[in-house]
Amino acid sequence: MDDKPFLSVIVPCYNERENLLRGVLAEMSDYLMRRDYAYEVLISDDGSSDDSKEIVSEQIANLPHFSLLRNEHGGKPWAVWCGIEQSRGEHVLFTDMDQSAPLCEVAKLLPELEAHEVAIGSRGGDRANFPLYRRLGSALFRNFRRLFLLRGIYDTQCGFKAMRREVGLELFPLLEAVRSRKQAEGWRVTAFDVELLYLAERRGYTIAEVPVEWANRDAAANKGKSYLTESKEMASQILRVFVNAQRGFYDREQS
């Protein structure tokens, strides 16, 4: 393999003990070792309060091209950004530890990066192991968001996104969660994906939305707040992006 990876896989990690013990890192390694391109996998720990870091260290000891980044707790977008900063690949993919969208689906995204700067996974409406109330909530979120932003994109929230590395280096520092760098408390759902894709669209980058296989495989316990509270917070984040756009905030960031 070449010294410079073709693909950098960034996996944010916050209290993922149960998913790690399922063997998801070995699954990723098994897939990547059969590819004909150079790769690296960066497990970007977000200040986990359980023993996730220790489990990762033990599991990657014999996995080539895997490494662990130890970050202070700043939330998922901060963990992804820390991974992008440390990455060396031509392209970066960020994927969730639960592997609800399995890593093999990257084969559908990478060809799109020949013609587009960003390629995102899309879960569609049929999501295995996804409770009915979450399907309904997802539909409400999607329609609410499309009233204000990204009308041409169906699914902004799938945690499976790839982009050219230079695009990630340009866009992530502009995200509110990265700019403000506030200390996070606990695990929280975030709509940073909406702001990220909005910024990409504003700067003239093209976004390919690609259907991917997805089934809820998250085994991690005690994540998040109540679903209603999470939904309210995500809706408020969308409105903040919209209001910032109307006030010309992103014009100032671009100048």
C-alpha atoms as a PDB file:
ATOM      1  CA  MET A   1       0.000   0.000   0.000  1.00  0.00           C
ATOM      2  CA  ASP A   2       1.024   3.606  -0.542  1.00  0.00           C
ATOM      3  CA  ASP A   3       2.080   5.684   2.460  1.00  0.00           C
ATOM      4  CA  LYS A   4      -0.724   8.164   1.823  1.00  0.00           C
ATOM      5  CA  PRO A   5      -4.147   6.572   2.346  1.00  0.00           C
ATOM      6  CA  PHE A   6      -6.829   6.830  -0.283  1.00  0.00           C
ATOM      7  CA  LEU A   7      -9.526   6.665   2.399  1.00  0.00           C
ATOM      8  CA  SER A   8      -9.573   7.848   6.002  1.00  0.00           C
ATOM      9  CA  VAL A   9     -12.413   6.338   8.035  1.00  0.00           C
ATOM     10  CA  ILE A  10     -13.329   8.413  11.079  1.00  0.00           C
ATOM     11  CA  VAL A  11     -15.403   6.745  13.792  1.00  0.00           C
ATOM     12  CA  PRO A  12     -16.591   9.041  16.610  1.00  0.00           C
ATOM     13  CA  CYS A  13     -16.756   7.196  19.911  1.00  0.00           C
ATOM     14  CA  TYR A  14     -18.590   8.174  23.090  1.00  0.00           C
ATOM     15  CA  ASN A  15     -19.451   5.446  25.605  1.00  0.00           C
ATOM     16  CA  GLU A  16     -19.672   2.750  22.956  1.00  0.00           C
ATOM     17  CA  ARG A  17     -18.755  -0.211  25.155  1.00  0.00           C
ATOM     18  CA  GLU A  18     -21.633  -2.449  24.052  1.00  0.00           C
ATOM     19  CA  ASN A  19     -21.096  -1.809  20.352  1.00  0.00           C
ATOM     20  CA  LEU A  20     -17.349  -2.361  20.671  1.00  0.00           C
ATOM     21  CA  LEU A  21     -17.894  -5.716  22.376  1.00  0.00           C
ATOM     22  CA  ARG A  22     -20.028  -6.763  19.396  1.00  0.00           C
ATOM     23  CA  GLY A  23     -16.824  -6.760  17.355  1.00  0.00           C
ATOM     24  CA  VAL A  24     -17.571  -3.851  15.020  1.00  0.00           C
ATOM     25  CA  LEU A  25     -13.903  -2.871  14.675  1.00  0.00           C
ATOM     26  CA  ALA A  26     -12.970  -6.358  13.528  1.00  0.00           C
ATOM     27  CA  GLU A  27     -15.836  -6.178  11.002  1.00  0.00           C
ATOM     28  CA  MET A  28     -14.430  -2.926   9.633  1.00  0.00           C
ATOM     29  CA  SER A  29     -10.932  -4.369   9.427  1.00  0.00           C
ATOM     30  CA  ASP A  30     -12.128  -7.521   7.657  1.00  0.00           C
ATOM     31  CA  TYR A  31     -13.783  -5.394   4.995  1.00  0.00           C
ATOM     32  CA  LEU A  32     -10.951  -2.914   4.501  1.00  0.00           C
ATOM     33  CA  MET A  33      -8.220  -5.536   4.320  1.00  0.00           C
ATOM     34  CA  ARG A  34      -9.892  -6.911   1.198  1.00  0.00           C
ATOM     35  CA  ARG A  35      -9.817  -3.533  -0.604  1.00  0.00           C
ATOM     36  CA  ASP A  36      -7.170  -2.651  -3.152  1.00  0.00           C
ATOM     37  CA  TYR A  37      -6.642   0.897  -1.819  1.00  0.00           C
ATOM     38  CA  ALA A  38      -4.683   2.264   1.130  1.00  0.00           C
ATOM     39  CA  TYR A  39      -6.726   3.203   4.178  1.00  0.00           C
ATOM     40  CA  GLU A  40      -6.586   4.302   7.786  1.00  0.00           C
ATOM     41  CA  VAL A  41      -9.207   4.123  10.547  1.00  0.00           C
ATOM     42  CA  LEU A  42      -9.234   6.802  13.245  1.00  0.00           C
ATOM     43  CA  ILE A  43     -11.314   6.016  16.319  1.00  0.00           C
ATOM     44  CA  SER A  44     -11.946   9.525  17.628  1.00  0.00           C
ATOM     45  CA  ASP A  45     -12.931   9.173  21.268  1.00  0.00           C
ATOM     46  CA  ASP A  46     -15.023  12.047  22.595  1.00  0.00           C
ATOM     47  CA  GLY A  47     -13.957  11.833  26.225  1.00  0.00           C
ATOM     48  CA  SER A  48     -15.845   8.626  26.979  1.00  0.00           C
ATOM     49  CA  SER A  49     -16.720   8.156  30.661  1.00  0.00           C
ATOM     50  CA  ASP A  50     -16.912   4.365  30.392  1.00  0.00           C
ATOM     51  CA  ASP A  51     -14.098   1.987  29.417  1.00  0.00           C
ATOM     52  CA  SER A  52     -14.474   2.515  25.653  1.00  0.00           C
ATOM     53  CA  LYS A  53     -10.931   3.853  25.241  1.00  0.00           C
ATOM     54  CA  GLU A  54      -9.431   0.840  26.969  1.00  0.00           C
ATOM     55  CA  ILE A  55     -11.502  -1.561  24.865  1.00  0.00           C
ATOM     56  CA  VAL A  56     -10.501   0.232  21.654  1.00  0.00           C
ATOM     57  CA  SER A  57      -6.819   0.154  22.610  1.00  0.00           C
ATOM     58  CA  GLU A  58      -6.991  -3.571  23.246  1.00  0.00           C
ATOM     59  CA  GLN A  59      -8.961  -4.382  20.116  1.00  0.00           C
ATOM     60  CA  ILE A  60      -6.874  -2.373  17.657  1.00  0.00           C
ATOM     61  CA  ALA A  61      -3.543  -3.713  18.933  1.00  0.00           C
ATOM     62  CA  ASN A  62      -3.547  -6.268  16.137  1.00  0.00           C
ATOM     63  CA  LEU A  63      -5.529  -4.285  13.558  1.00  0.00           C
ATOM     64  CA  PRO A  64      -3.241  -2.637  10.984  1.00  0.00           C
ATOM     65  CA  HIS A  65      -3.884   1.016  10.109  1.00  0.00           C
ATOM     66  CA  PHE A  66      -6.213   1.571  13.112  1.00  0.00           C
ATOM     67  CA  SER A  67      -5.457   4.258  15.696  1.00  0.00           C
ATOM     68  CA  LEU A  68      -7.155   5.869  18.690  1.00  0.00           C
ATOM     69  CA  LEU A  69      -7.491   9.624  19.188  1.00  0.00           C
ATOM     70  CA  ARG A  70      -8.143  10.705  22.784  1.00  0.00           C
ATOM     71  CA  ASN A  71     -10.118  13.967  22.844  1.00  0.00           C
ATOM     72  CA  GLU A  72     -11.850  15.995  25.518  1.00  0.00           C
ATOM     73  CA  HIS A  73     -15.625  15.706  25.464  1.00  0.00           C
ATOM     74  CA  GLY A  74     -16.955  18.186  22.919  1.00  0.00           C
ATOM     75  CA  GLY A  75     -19.760  16.342  21.121  1.00  0.00           C
ATOM     76  CA  LYS A  76     -19.925  14.319  17.916  1.00  0.00           C
ATOM     77  CA  PRO A  77     -19.051  17.139  15.450  1.00  0.00           C
ATOM     78  CA  TRP A  78     -15.965  17.960  17.518  1.00  0.00           C
ATOM     79  CA  ALA A  79     -14.894  14.298  17.531  1.00  0.00           C
ATOM     80  CA  VAL A  80     -15.342  14.084  13.754  1.00  0.00           C
ATOM     81  CA  TRP A  81     -13.388  17.307  13.264  1.00  0.00           C
ATOM     82  CA  CYS A  82     -10.509  16.018  15.410  1.00  0.00           C
ATOM     83  CA  GLY A  83     -10.443  12.958  13.162  1.00  0.00           C
ATOM     84  CA  ILE A  84     -10.431  15.024   9.974  1.00  0.00           C
ATOM     85  CA  GLU A  85      -7.575  17.170  11.300  1.00  0.00           C
ATOM     86  CA  GLN A  86      -5.479  14.075  11.954  1.00  0.00           C
ATOM     87  CA  SER A  87      -6.468  12.242   8.758  1.00  0.00           C
ATOM     88  CA  ARG A  88      -4.143  11.809   5.797  1.00  0.00           C
ATOM     89  CA  GLY A  89      -6.463  10.328   3.186  1.00  0.00           C
ATOM     90  CA  GLU A  90      -7.579  11.746  -0.113  1.00  0.00           C
ATOM     91  CA  HIS A  91     -11.157  11.145   1.006  1.00  0.00           C
ATOM     92  CA  VAL A  92     -12.688  11.007   4.483  1.00  0.00           C
ATOM     93  CA  LEU A  93     -15.689   8.981   5.592  1.00  0.00           C
ATOM     94  CA  PHE A  94     -17.321   9.378   8.960  1.00  0.00           C
ATOM     95  CA  THR A  95     -19.404   6.463  10.128  1.00  0.00           C
ATOM     96  CA  ASP A  96     -21.104   5.600  13.412  1.00  0.00           C
ATOM     97  CA  MET A  97     -19.661   3.011  15.767  1.00  0.00           C
ATOM     98  CA  ASP A  98     -22.911   1.032  15.818  1.00  0.00           C
ATOM     99  CA  GLN A  99     -22.459   0.296  12.097  1.00  0.00           C
ATOM    100  CA  SER A 100     -26.169   0.576  11.389  1.00  0.00           C
ATOM    101  CA  ALA A 101     -24.943   1.521   7.928  1.00  0.00           C
ATOM    102  CA  PRO A 102     -22.169  -1.075   7.505  1.00  0.00           C
ATOM    103  CA  LEU A 103     -18.789   0.058   6.257  1.00  0.00           C
ATOM    104  CA  CYS A 104     -19.145  -1.984   3.064  1.00  0.00           C
ATOM    105  CA  GLU A 105     -21.682   0.624   1.891  1.00  0.00           C
ATOM    106  CA  VAL A 106     -18.759   2.993   1.284  1.00  0.00           C
ATOM    107  CA  ALA A 107     -18.353   1.205  -2.056  1.00  0.00           C
ATOM    108  CA  LYS A 108     -21.494   3.072  -3.146  1.00  0.00           C
ATOM    109  CA  LEU A 109     -20.198   6.478  -2.038  1.00  0.00           C
ATOM    110  CA  LEU A 110     -16.605   6.509  -3.267  1.00  0.00           C
ATOM    111  CA  PRO A 111     -17.408   6.463  -7.009  1.00  0.00           C
ATOM    112  CA  GLU A 112     -19.583   9.542  -6.484  1.00  0.00           C
ATOM    113  CA  LEU A 113     -16.584  11.516  -5.234  1.00  0.00           C
ATOM    114  CA  GLU A 114     -15.127  11.467  -8.725  1.00  0.00           C
ATOM    115  CA  ALA A 115     -17.821  13.928  -9.839  1.00  0.00           C
ATOM    116  CA  HIS A 116     -19.008  15.404  -6.518  1.00  0.00           C
ATOM    117  CA  GLU A 117     -17.263  16.907  -3.524  1.00  0.00           C
ATOM    118  CA  VAL A 118     -19.606  15.286  -0.985  1.00  0.00           C
ATOM    119  CA  ALA A 119     -21.441  11.942  -0.982  1.00  0.00           C
ATOM    120  CA  ILE A 120     -23.944  11.056   1.742  1.00  0.00           C
ATOM    121  CA  GLY A 121     -25.771   7.876   2.652  1.00  0.00           C
ATOM    122  CA  SER A 122     -29.559   7.964   2.582  1.00  0.00           C
ATOM    123  CA  ARG A 123     -31.645   5.541   4.634  1.00  0.00           C
ATOM    124  CA  GLY A 124     -34.941   5.874   2.800  1.00  0.00           C
ATOM    125  CA  GLY A 125     -38.221   5.185   4.585  1.00  0.00           C
ATOM    126  CA  ASP A 126     -37.835   1.449   5.220  1.00  0.00           C
ATOM    127  CA  ARG A 127     -35.467   1.204   8.191  1.00  0.00           C
ATOM    128  CA  ALA A 128     -35.102  -2.177   9.850  1.00  0.00           C
ATOM    129  CA  ASN A 129     -35.312  -2.321  13.668  1.00  0.00           C
ATOM    130  CA  PHE A 130     -36.487   1.294  13.729  1.00  0.00           C
ATOM    131  CA  PRO A 131     -39.480   1.866  16.054  1.00  0.00           C
ATOM    132  CA  LEU A 132     -42.630   3.347  14.546  1.00  0.00           C
ATOM    133  CA  TYR A 133     -42.497   6.445  16.743  1.00  0.00           C
ATOM    134  CA  ARG A 134     -38.977   7.182  15.470  1.00  0.00           C
ATOM    135  CA  ARG A 135     -40.068   6.686  11.859  1.00  0.00           C
ATOM    136  CA  LEU A 136     -42.861   9.187  12.394  1.00  0.00           C
ATOM    137  CA  GLY A 137     -40.514  11.581  14.193  1.00  0.00           C
ATOM    138  CA  SER A 138     -37.964  11.289  11.403  1.00  0.00           C
ATOM    139  CA  ALA A 139     -40.603  12.141   8.807  1.00  0.00           C
ATOM    140  CA  LEU A 140     -41.710  15.176  10.818  1.00  0.00           C
ATOM    141  CA  PHE A 141     -38.106  16.322  11.249  1.00  0.00           C
ATOM    142  CA  ARG A 142     -37.394  15.888   7.539  1.00  0.00           C
ATOM    143  CA  ASN A 143     -40.455  17.871   6.429  1.00  0.00           C
ATOM    144  CA  PHE A 144     -39.817  20.580   9.022  1.00  0.00           C
ATOM    145  CA  ARG A 145     -36.199  20.915   7.923  1.00  0.00           C
ATOM    146  CA  ARG A 146     -37.096  21.064   4.226  1.00  0.00           C
ATOM    147  CA  LEU A 147     -39.345  24.040   4.921  1.00  0.00           C
ATOM    148  CA  PHE A 148     -36.190  26.017   5.664  1.00  0.00           C
ATOM    149  CA  LEU A 149     -33.069  24.285   4.335  1.00  0.00           C
ATOM    150  CA  LEU A 150     -31.747  21.700   1.875  1.00  0.00           C
ATOM    151  CA  ARG A 151     -34.993  21.047   0.057  1.00  0.00           C
ATOM    152  CA  GLY A 152     -33.246  18.812  -2.458  1.00  0.00           C
ATOM    153  CA  ILE A 153     -31.898  16.374   0.153  1.00  0.00           C
ATOM    154  CA  TYR A 154     -34.087  13.633   1.596  1.00  0.00           C
ATOM    155  CA  ASP A 155     -32.000  12.364   4.527  1.00  0.00           C
ATOM    156  CA  THR A 156     -29.515  14.691   6.213  1.00  0.00           C
ATOM    157  CA  GLN A 157     -29.138  12.643   9.398  1.00  0.00           C
ATOM    158  CA  CYS A 158     -27.700   9.331   8.234  1.00  0.00           C
ATOM    159  CA  GLY A 159     -24.360   8.998  10.044  1.00  0.00           C
ATOM    160  CA  PHE A 160     -22.552   7.837   6.907  1.00  0.00           C
ATOM    161  CA  LYS A 161     -20.967  10.656   4.919  1.00  0.00           C
ATOM    162  CA  ALA A 162     -17.903  10.974   2.711  1.00  0.00           C
ATOM    163  CA  MET A 163     -16.165  13.964   1.209  1.00  0.00           C
ATOM    164  CA  ARG A 164     -12.900  15.055  -0.260  1.00  0.00           C
ATOM    165  CA  ARG A 165     -10.586  15.758   2.648  1.00  0.00           C
ATOM    166  CA  GLU A 166      -9.917  19.353   1.651  1.00  0.00           C
ATOM    167  CA  VAL A 167     -13.654  20.045   1.749  1.00  0.00           C
ATOM    168  CA  GLY A 168     -13.880  18.699   5.306  1.00  0.00           C
ATOM    169  CA  LEU A 169     -10.915  20.846   6.335  1.00  0.00           C
ATOM    170  CA  GLU A 170     -12.686  23.887   4.925  1.00  0.00           C
ATOM    171  CA  LEU A 171     -16.205  23.320   6.234  1.00  0.00           C
ATOM    172  CA  PHE A 172     -15.876  21.819   9.721  1.00  0.00           C
ATOM    173  CA  PRO A 173     -14.181  24.867  11.316  1.00  0.00           C
ATOM    174  CA  LEU A 174     -17.247  26.896  10.274  1.00  0.00           C
ATOM    175  CA  LEU A 175     -19.687  24.699  12.214  1.00  0.00           C
ATOM    176  CA  GLU A 176     -21.106  26.335  15.320  1.00  0.00           C
ATOM    177  CA  ALA A 177     -20.262  23.283  17.454  1.00  0.00           C
ATOM    178  CA  VAL A 178     -16.616  23.472  16.367  1.00  0.00           C
ATOM    179  CA  ARG A 179     -16.259  27.266  16.464  1.00  0.00           C
ATOM    180  CA  SER A 180     -17.774  27.624  19.935  1.00  0.00           C
ATOM    181  CA  ARG A 181     -15.858  24.615  21.303  1.00  0.00           C
ATOM    182  CA  LYS A 182     -18.083  24.395  24.385  1.00  0.00           C
ATOM    183  CA  GLN A 183     -17.559  21.572  26.852  1.00  0.00           C
ATOM    184  CA  ALA A 184     -20.329  19.050  26.211  1.00  0.00           C
ATOM    185  CA  GLU A 185     -22.266  17.329  28.978  1.00  0.00           C
ATOM    186  CA  GLY A 186     -23.267  13.725  28.430  1.00  0.00           C
ATOM    187  CA  TRP A 187     -24.427  12.317  25.095  1.00  0.00           C
ATOM    188  CA  ARG A 188     -26.686  14.375  22.874  1.00  0.00           C
ATOM    189  CA  VAL A 189     -28.272  14.175  19.474  1.00  0.00           C
ATOM    190  CA  THR A 190     -27.140  16.923  17.126  1.00  0.00           C
ATOM    191  CA  ALA A 191     -28.231  18.314  13.773  1.00  0.00           C
ATOM    192  CA  PHE A 192     -24.731  19.463  12.822  1.00  0.00           C
ATOM    193  CA  ASP A 193     -25.169  17.507   9.581  1.00  0.00           C
ATOM    194  CA  VAL A 194     -27.733  20.081   8.447  1.00  0.00           C
ATOM    195  CA  GLU A 195     -25.330  22.977   8.940  1.00  0.00           C
ATOM    196  CA  LEU A 196     -22.506  21.026   7.308  1.00  0.00           C
ATOM    197  CA  LEU A 197     -24.526  20.231   4.183  1.00  0.00           C
ATOM    198  CA  TYR A 198     -25.933  23.757   4.054  1.00  0.00           C
ATOM    199  CA  LEU A 199     -22.398  25.161   4.083  1.00  0.00           C
ATOM    200  CA  ALA A 200     -21.338  22.743   1.346  1.00  0.00           C
ATOM    201  CA  GLU A 201     -24.314  23.781  -0.791  1.00  0.00           C
ATOM    202  CA  ARG A 202     -23.649  27.493  -0.190  1.00  0.00           C
ATOM    203  CA  ARG A 203     -20.062  27.142  -1.373  1.00  0.00           C
ATOM    204  CA  GLY A 204     -21.112  25.538  -4.598  1.00  0.00           C
ATOM    205  CA  TYR A 205     -20.104  21.984  -3.770  1.00  0.00           C
ATOM    206  CA  THR A 206     -22.259  19.260  -5.244  1.00  0.00           C
ATOM    207  CA  ILE A 207     -23.747  16.616  -2.965  1.00  0.00           C
ATOM    208  CA  ALA A 208     -24.579  13.097  -4.126  1.00  0.00           C
ATOM    209  CA  GLU A 209     -27.239  11.376  -2.012  1.00  0.00           C
ATOM    210  CA  VAL A 210     -26.888   7.610  -2.276  1.00  0.00           C
ATOM    211  CA  PRO A 211     -29.295   4.966  -0.893  1.00  0.00           C
ATOM    212  CA  VAL A 212     -27.493   2.676   1.566  1.00  0.00           C
ATOM    213  CA  GLU A 213     -28.475  -0.412   3.501  1.00  0.00           C
ATOM    214  CA  TRP A 214     -29.377   0.576   7.058  1.00  0.00           C
ATOM    215  CA  ALA A 215     -30.719  -1.295  10.074  1.00  0.00           C
ATOM    216  CA  ASN A 216     -30.634  -0.105  13.661  1.00  0.00           C
ATOM    217  CA  ARG A 217     -27.805  -2.058  15.327  1.00  0.00           C
ATOM    218  CA  ASP A 218     -27.057   0.316  18.193  1.00  0.00           C
ATOM    219  CA  ALA A 219     -26.453  -1.718  21.349  1.00  0.00           C
ATOM    220  CA  ALA A 220     -25.051   1.107  23.481  1.00  0.00           C
ATOM    221  CA  ALA A 221     -27.034   1.674  26.649  1.00  0.00           C
ATOM    222  CA  ASN A 222     -28.168   4.891  28.338  1.00  0.00           C
ATOM    223  CA  LYS A 223     -27.714   7.203  25.392  1.00  0.00           C
ATOM    224  CA  GLY A 224     -29.290  10.574  25.227  1.00  0.00           C
ATOM    225  CA  LYS A 225     -32.279  12.334  26.675  1.00  0.00           C
ATOM    226  CA  SER A 226     -35.950  11.694  26.050  1.00  0.00           C
ATOM    227  CA  TYR A 227     -36.883  11.481  22.390  1.00  0.00           C
ATOM    228  CA  LEU A 228     -39.120  14.553  22.742  1.00  0.00           C
ATOM    229  CA  THR A 229     -36.287  16.594  24.254  1.00  0.00           C
ATOM    230  CA  GLU A 230     -33.884  15.465  21.535  1.00  0.00           C
ATOM    231  CA  SER A 231     -36.403  16.414  18.838  1.00  0.00           C
ATOM    232  CA  LYS A 232     -36.894  19.885  20.290  1.00  0.00           C
ATOM    233  CA  GLU A 233     -33.148  20.484  20.436  1.00  0.00           C
ATOM    234  CA  MET A 234     -32.664  19.384  16.829  1.00  0.00           C
ATOM    235  CA  ALA A 235     -35.513  21.597  15.640  1.00  0.00           C
ATOM    236  CA  SER A 236     -33.983  24.561  17.445  1.00  0.00           C
ATOM    237  CA  GLN A 237     -30.637  23.889  15.770  1.00  0.00           C
ATOM    238  CA  ILE A 238     -32.264  23.939  12.331  1.00  0.00           C
ATOM    239  CA  LEU A 239     -33.938  27.239  13.107  1.00  0.00           C
ATOM    240  CA  ARG A 240     -30.625  28.664  14.325  1.00  0.00           C
ATOM    241  CA  VAL A 241     -28.920  27.762  11.056  1.00  0.00           C
ATOM    242  CA  PHE A 242     -31.800  29.302   9.106  1.00  0.00           C
ATOM    243  CA  VAL A 243     -31.777  32.498  11.173  1.00  0.00           C
ATOM    244  CA  ASN A 244     -27.994  32.784  10.898  1.00  0.00           C
ATOM    245  CA  ALA A 245     -28.298  32.428   7.133  1.00  0.00           C
ATOM    246  CA  GLN A 246     -30.964  35.136   6.953  1.00  0.00           C
ATOM    247  CA  ARG A 247     -28.803  37.482   9.017  1.00  0.00           C
ATOM    248  CA  GLY A 248     -25.866  36.991   6.666  1.00  0.00           C
ATOM    249  CA  PHE A 249     -23.720  35.204   9.236  1.00  0.00           C
ATOM    250  CA  TYR A 250     -22.419  32.702   6.688  1.00  0.00           C
ATOM    251  CA  ASP A 251     -21.686  35.522   4.240  1.00  0.00           C
ATOM    252  CA  ARG A 252     -19.304  36.965   6.827  1.00  0.00           C
ATOM    253  CA  GLU A 253     -17.707  33.546   7.368  1.00  0.00           C
ATOM    254  CA  GLN A 254     -17.082  33.220   3.642  1.00  0.00           C
ATOM    255  CA  SER A 255     -15.527  36.644   3.201  1.00  0.00           C
END
